[in-house]
Amino acid sequence: MAAGPRPWVALVMAIGGVALVIGGFQVGGSAMGIVLAVLSPLIYAFVMVFSAQIAGERKGTTAASRTGGGPDTDSAVAAAVMLSAATAGLFAVSVVLGRPVGPTSIPTDAWPSLLVLGVVTGGLGMQAMYAATARIGAAQTALVDTLEPVSAVILAAIFLGERLEPVQMLGGAIVLAGVVIAQTAPPGARQGPIPAADSSESGLRRRQSRR
């Protein structure tokens, strides 16, 4: 990621662009809805940071640059464990609250969509997020993820016939510009994670030969 003020400029642009895409921040409405809307991105931020840490990211060094490859734990395995834990936790909460947990409580016509959501957005999406944090870090992945609401609005316009307003298109363009700024650096500036020390056997031999 580019160093200096560029990431912060990109962050401000991303937040402002997302606000335009979703139609601005509305005051009022359900108090619980507002609490949940604020809580959701906070939880997702913890997921992003802890995923990067599990993948092997350390201060100033991504997992990929530290290990010379991918994450410490395979992305498919990590995603499977996280989703299994989420399933078990939600099932336990539903039982405690007395909510229906049997398959018969789900409408028949909802099953295809639920299966697609589980495999694509749950399985592949979680795996892609984990793999991305291992390679480019949690902060950079989070900035790129601001494209999510832009993508959702565009897909809603295509598949659900929702109207895409000019202000939403402007917001999407601002988000895209912010992502580009976050990924680039001024000419001559150095960017990217700090390489980890080579702790391999060949690296140790090279260092000893220099002494």
Protein backbone atom coordinates (compact mmCIF):
# COMPACT_ATOMS: atom_id res chain seq x y z
CA MET A 1 0.00 0.00 0.00
CA ALA A 2 1.16 3.52 -0.70
CA ALA A 3 2.79 5.27 2.25
CA GLY A 4 2.11 8.74 3.64
CA PRO A 5 -1.27 10.49 3.54
CA ARG A 6 -2.50 8.65 0.44
CA PRO A 7 -4.19 5.77 2.36
CA TRP A 8 -6.01 8.28 4.57
CA VAL A 9 -7.16 10.28 1.54
CA ALA A 10 -8.33 7.02 -0.03
CA LEU A 11 -10.22 6.10 3.16
CA VAL A 12 -12.05 9.44 3.26
CA MET A 13 -12.93 9.10 -0.43
CA ALA A 14 -14.16 5.54 0.09
CA ILE A 15 -16.41 6.49 3.02
CA GLY A 16 -17.81 9.50 1.16
CA GLY A 17 -18.35 7.47 -2.00
CA VAL A 18 -20.14 4.69 -0.12
CA ALA A 19 -22.38 7.29 1.56
CA LEU A 20 -23.41 8.56 -1.89
CA VAL A 21 -23.93 5.02 -3.20
CA ILE A 22 -26.30 4.05 -0.40
CA GLY A 23 -28.10 7.40 -0.52
CA GLY A 24 -26.45 9.15 2.40
CA PHE A 25 -26.69 8.53 6.12
CA GLN A 26 -30.33 8.61 7.19
CA VAL A 27 -31.16 9.90 10.65
CA GLY A 28 -34.04 8.25 12.47
CA GLY A 29 -35.73 4.90 12.02
CA SER A 30 -35.35 1.83 14.22
CA ALA A 31 -32.88 2.29 17.06
CA MET A 32 -31.99 -1.41 16.93
CA GLY A 33 -31.45 -1.14 13.19
CA ILE A 34 -28.97 1.70 13.70
CA VAL A 35 -27.14 -0.24 16.43
CA LEU A 36 -26.88 -3.33 14.22
CA ALA A 37 -25.76 -1.23 11.23
CA VAL A 38 -22.91 0.23 13.33
CA LEU A 39 -22.06 -3.10 14.97
CA SER A 40 -21.81 -5.05 11.71
CA PRO A 41 -18.77 -3.24 10.19
CA LEU A 42 -17.05 -3.18 13.59
CA ILE A 43 -17.35 -6.96 13.84
CA TYR A 44 -16.21 -7.34 10.25
CA ALA A 45 -13.16 -5.18 11.03
CA PHE A 46 -12.18 -7.58 13.82
CA VAL A 47 -12.69 -10.50 11.42
CA MET A 48 -10.39 -8.84 8.90
CA VAL A 49 -7.63 -8.09 11.42
CA PHE A 50 -7.73 -11.48 13.15
CA SER A 51 -7.84 -13.28 9.80
CA ALA A 52 -4.68 -11.45 8.75
CA GLN A 53 -3.03 -12.34 12.05
CA ILE A 54 -3.98 -16.02 11.73
CA ALA A 55 -2.71 -15.97 8.15
CA GLY A 56 0.66 -14.80 9.45
CA GLU A 57 0.69 -11.01 9.17
CA ARG A 58 2.98 -9.25 11.63
CA LYS A 59 3.77 -5.58 12.20
CA GLY A 60 5.04 -4.12 8.94
CA THR A 61 5.05 -7.46 7.12
CA THR A 62 2.28 -9.39 5.37
CA ALA A 63 2.07 -13.16 5.68
CA ALA A 64 3.12 -13.68 2.06
CA SER A 65 6.25 -11.51 2.33
CA ARG A 66 7.21 -13.10 5.65
CA THR A 67 6.82 -16.70 4.51
CA GLY A 68 7.76 -16.17 0.88
CA GLY A 69 4.45 -17.65 -0.26
CA GLY A 70 0.88 -17.77 0.98
CA PRO A 71 -0.69 -17.77 4.44
CA ASP A 72 0.50 -19.88 7.36
CA THR A 73 -2.82 -21.76 7.29
CA ASP A 74 -4.40 -22.79 4.00
CA SER A 75 -7.23 -20.43 3.05
CA ALA A 76 -9.71 -23.25 2.35
CA VAL A 77 -9.06 -24.82 5.76
CA ALA A 78 -9.30 -21.47 7.56
CA ALA A 79 -12.58 -20.60 5.82
CA ALA A 80 -14.06 -24.02 6.62
CA VAL A 81 -13.15 -23.72 10.31
CA MET A 82 -14.52 -20.16 10.59
CA LEU A 83 -17.81 -21.03 8.87
CA SER A 84 -18.21 -24.22 10.93
CA ALA A 85 -17.66 -22.27 14.13
CA ALA A 86 -20.18 -19.64 13.01
CA THR A 87 -22.74 -22.36 12.23
CA ALA A 88 -22.29 -24.02 15.60
CA GLY A 89 -22.51 -20.70 17.44
CA LEU A 90 -25.65 -19.52 15.62
CA PHE A 91 -27.30 -22.92 16.13
CA ALA A 92 -26.62 -22.77 19.88
CA VAL A 93 -27.97 -19.21 20.14
CA SER A 94 -31.12 -20.17 18.21
CA VAL A 95 -31.75 -23.14 20.51
CA VAL A 96 -31.31 -20.97 23.63
CA LEU A 97 -33.68 -18.33 22.25
CA GLY A 98 -36.23 -20.97 21.24
CA ARG A 99 -36.11 -20.20 17.54
CA PRO A 100 -36.78 -22.86 14.90
CA VAL A 101 -33.63 -24.61 13.72
CA GLY A 102 -35.00 -27.48 11.63
CA PRO A 103 -34.72 -27.55 7.81
CA THR A 104 -38.52 -27.61 7.55
CA SER A 105 -38.66 -24.04 8.86
CA ILE A 106 -37.05 -22.83 5.61
CA PRO A 107 -39.39 -22.27 2.62
CA THR A 108 -38.71 -24.67 -0.23
CA ASP A 109 -38.15 -21.93 -2.82
CA ALA A 110 -35.49 -20.34 -0.57
CA TRP A 111 -33.17 -23.36 -0.58
CA PRO A 112 -31.46 -22.74 -3.96
CA SER A 113 -30.60 -19.15 -3.02
CA LEU A 114 -29.39 -20.19 0.44
CA LEU A 115 -27.14 -22.88 -1.02
CA VAL A 116 -25.66 -20.43 -3.53
CA LEU A 117 -25.11 -17.88 -0.78
CA GLY A 118 -23.46 -20.49 1.42
CA VAL A 119 -21.08 -21.77 -1.24
CA VAL A 120 -20.30 -18.57 -3.15
CA THR A 121 -20.52 -15.69 -0.67
CA GLY A 122 -19.86 -17.73 2.44
CA GLY A 123 -17.31 -20.32 1.35
CA LEU A 124 -15.54 -18.69 -1.60
CA GLY A 125 -16.00 -15.15 -0.27
CA MET A 126 -14.49 -15.96 3.13
CA GLN A 127 -11.68 -17.91 1.51
CA ALA A 128 -10.90 -15.03 -0.88
CA MET A 129 -10.92 -12.49 1.97
CA TYR A 130 -8.55 -14.62 4.06
CA ALA A 131 -6.20 -15.18 1.11
CA ALA A 132 -6.22 -11.46 0.31
CA THR A 133 -5.31 -10.41 3.85
CA ALA A 134 -2.40 -12.86 3.74
CA ARG A 135 -1.04 -11.31 0.55
CA ILE A 136 -1.76 -7.58 0.83
CA GLY A 137 -2.61 -7.09 4.50
CA ALA A 138 -5.78 -6.34 6.45
CA ALA A 139 -5.82 -2.56 5.90
CA GLN A 140 -5.40 -2.75 2.14
CA THR A 141 -7.99 -5.54 1.85
CA ALA A 142 -10.46 -3.46 3.87
CA LEU A 143 -10.01 -0.47 1.54
CA VAL A 144 -10.58 -2.61 -1.54
CA ASP A 145 -13.65 -4.12 0.15
CA THR A 146 -15.34 -0.72 -0.02
CA LEU A 147 -16.21 -1.80 -3.58
CA GLU A 148 -18.77 -4.18 -2.03
CA PRO A 149 -21.67 -1.68 -1.73
CA VAL A 150 -20.89 -0.35 -5.20
CA SER A 151 -21.07 -3.88 -6.62
CA ALA A 152 -24.29 -4.56 -4.70
CA VAL A 153 -26.02 -1.50 -6.12
CA ILE A 154 -24.93 -2.35 -9.67
CA LEU A 155 -26.09 -5.98 -9.34
CA ALA A 156 -29.40 -4.84 -7.84
CA ALA A 157 -29.93 -2.60 -10.87
CA ILE A 158 -29.14 -5.49 -13.24
CA PHE A 159 -30.99 -8.38 -11.60
CA LEU A 160 -33.71 -6.65 -9.54
CA GLY A 161 -34.48 -3.73 -11.84
CA GLU A 162 -33.63 -1.13 -9.21
CA ARG A 163 -32.92 2.31 -10.60
CA LEU A 164 -29.32 3.54 -10.45
CA GLU A 165 -29.34 7.26 -9.65
CA PRO A 166 -26.63 9.64 -10.97
CA VAL A 167 -25.49 10.39 -7.40
CA GLN A 168 -24.91 6.66 -6.87
CA MET A 169 -22.82 6.44 -10.02
CA LEU A 170 -20.81 9.43 -8.77
CA GLY A 171 -20.30 7.69 -5.43
CA GLY A 172 -19.12 4.54 -7.17
CA ALA A 173 -16.61 6.53 -9.21
CA ILE A 174 -15.28 8.17 -6.03
CA VAL A 175 -14.86 4.77 -4.35
CA LEU A 176 -12.99 3.42 -7.39
CA ALA A 177 -10.73 6.48 -7.39
CA GLY A 178 -10.02 5.97 -3.69
CA VAL A 179 -9.05 2.35 -4.25
CA VAL A 180 -6.69 3.37 -7.07
CA ILE A 181 -5.06 5.99 -4.84
CA ALA A 182 -4.61 3.42 -2.06
CA GLN A 183 -2.93 0.98 -4.45
CA THR A 184 -0.54 3.44 -6.07
CA ALA A 185 2.27 5.71 -4.98
CA PRO A 186 3.83 8.89 -6.38
CA PRO A 187 6.64 8.35 -8.92
CA GLY A 188 9.86 7.30 -7.21
CA ALA A 189 8.16 6.46 -3.91
CA ARG A 190 8.77 3.06 -2.39
CA GLN A 191 5.74 1.00 -1.52
CA GLY A 192 4.88 -2.49 -0.42
CA PRO A 193 5.49 -4.41 2.81
CA ILE A 194 8.87 -4.63 4.41
CA PRO A 195 10.43 -7.98 3.49
CA ALA A 196 10.87 -10.36 6.35
CA ALA A 197 14.33 -11.60 7.26
CA ASP A 198 15.37 -14.73 5.40
CA SER A 199 15.40 -17.38 8.11
CA SER A 200 15.75 -20.34 5.76
CA GLU A 201 18.79 -22.62 5.84
CA SER A 202 20.15 -21.14 2.61
CA GLY A 203 19.66 -17.64 4.00
CA LEU A 204 21.61 -18.52 7.13
CA ARG A 205 24.48 -19.89 5.02
CA ARG A 206 24.56 -16.70 2.96
CA ARG A 207 24.76 -14.52 6.05
CA GLN A 208 27.50 -16.66 7.56
CA SER A 209 29.54 -16.47 4.35
CA ARG A 210 29.49 -12.66 4.52
CA ARG A 211 31.11 -12.63 7.94
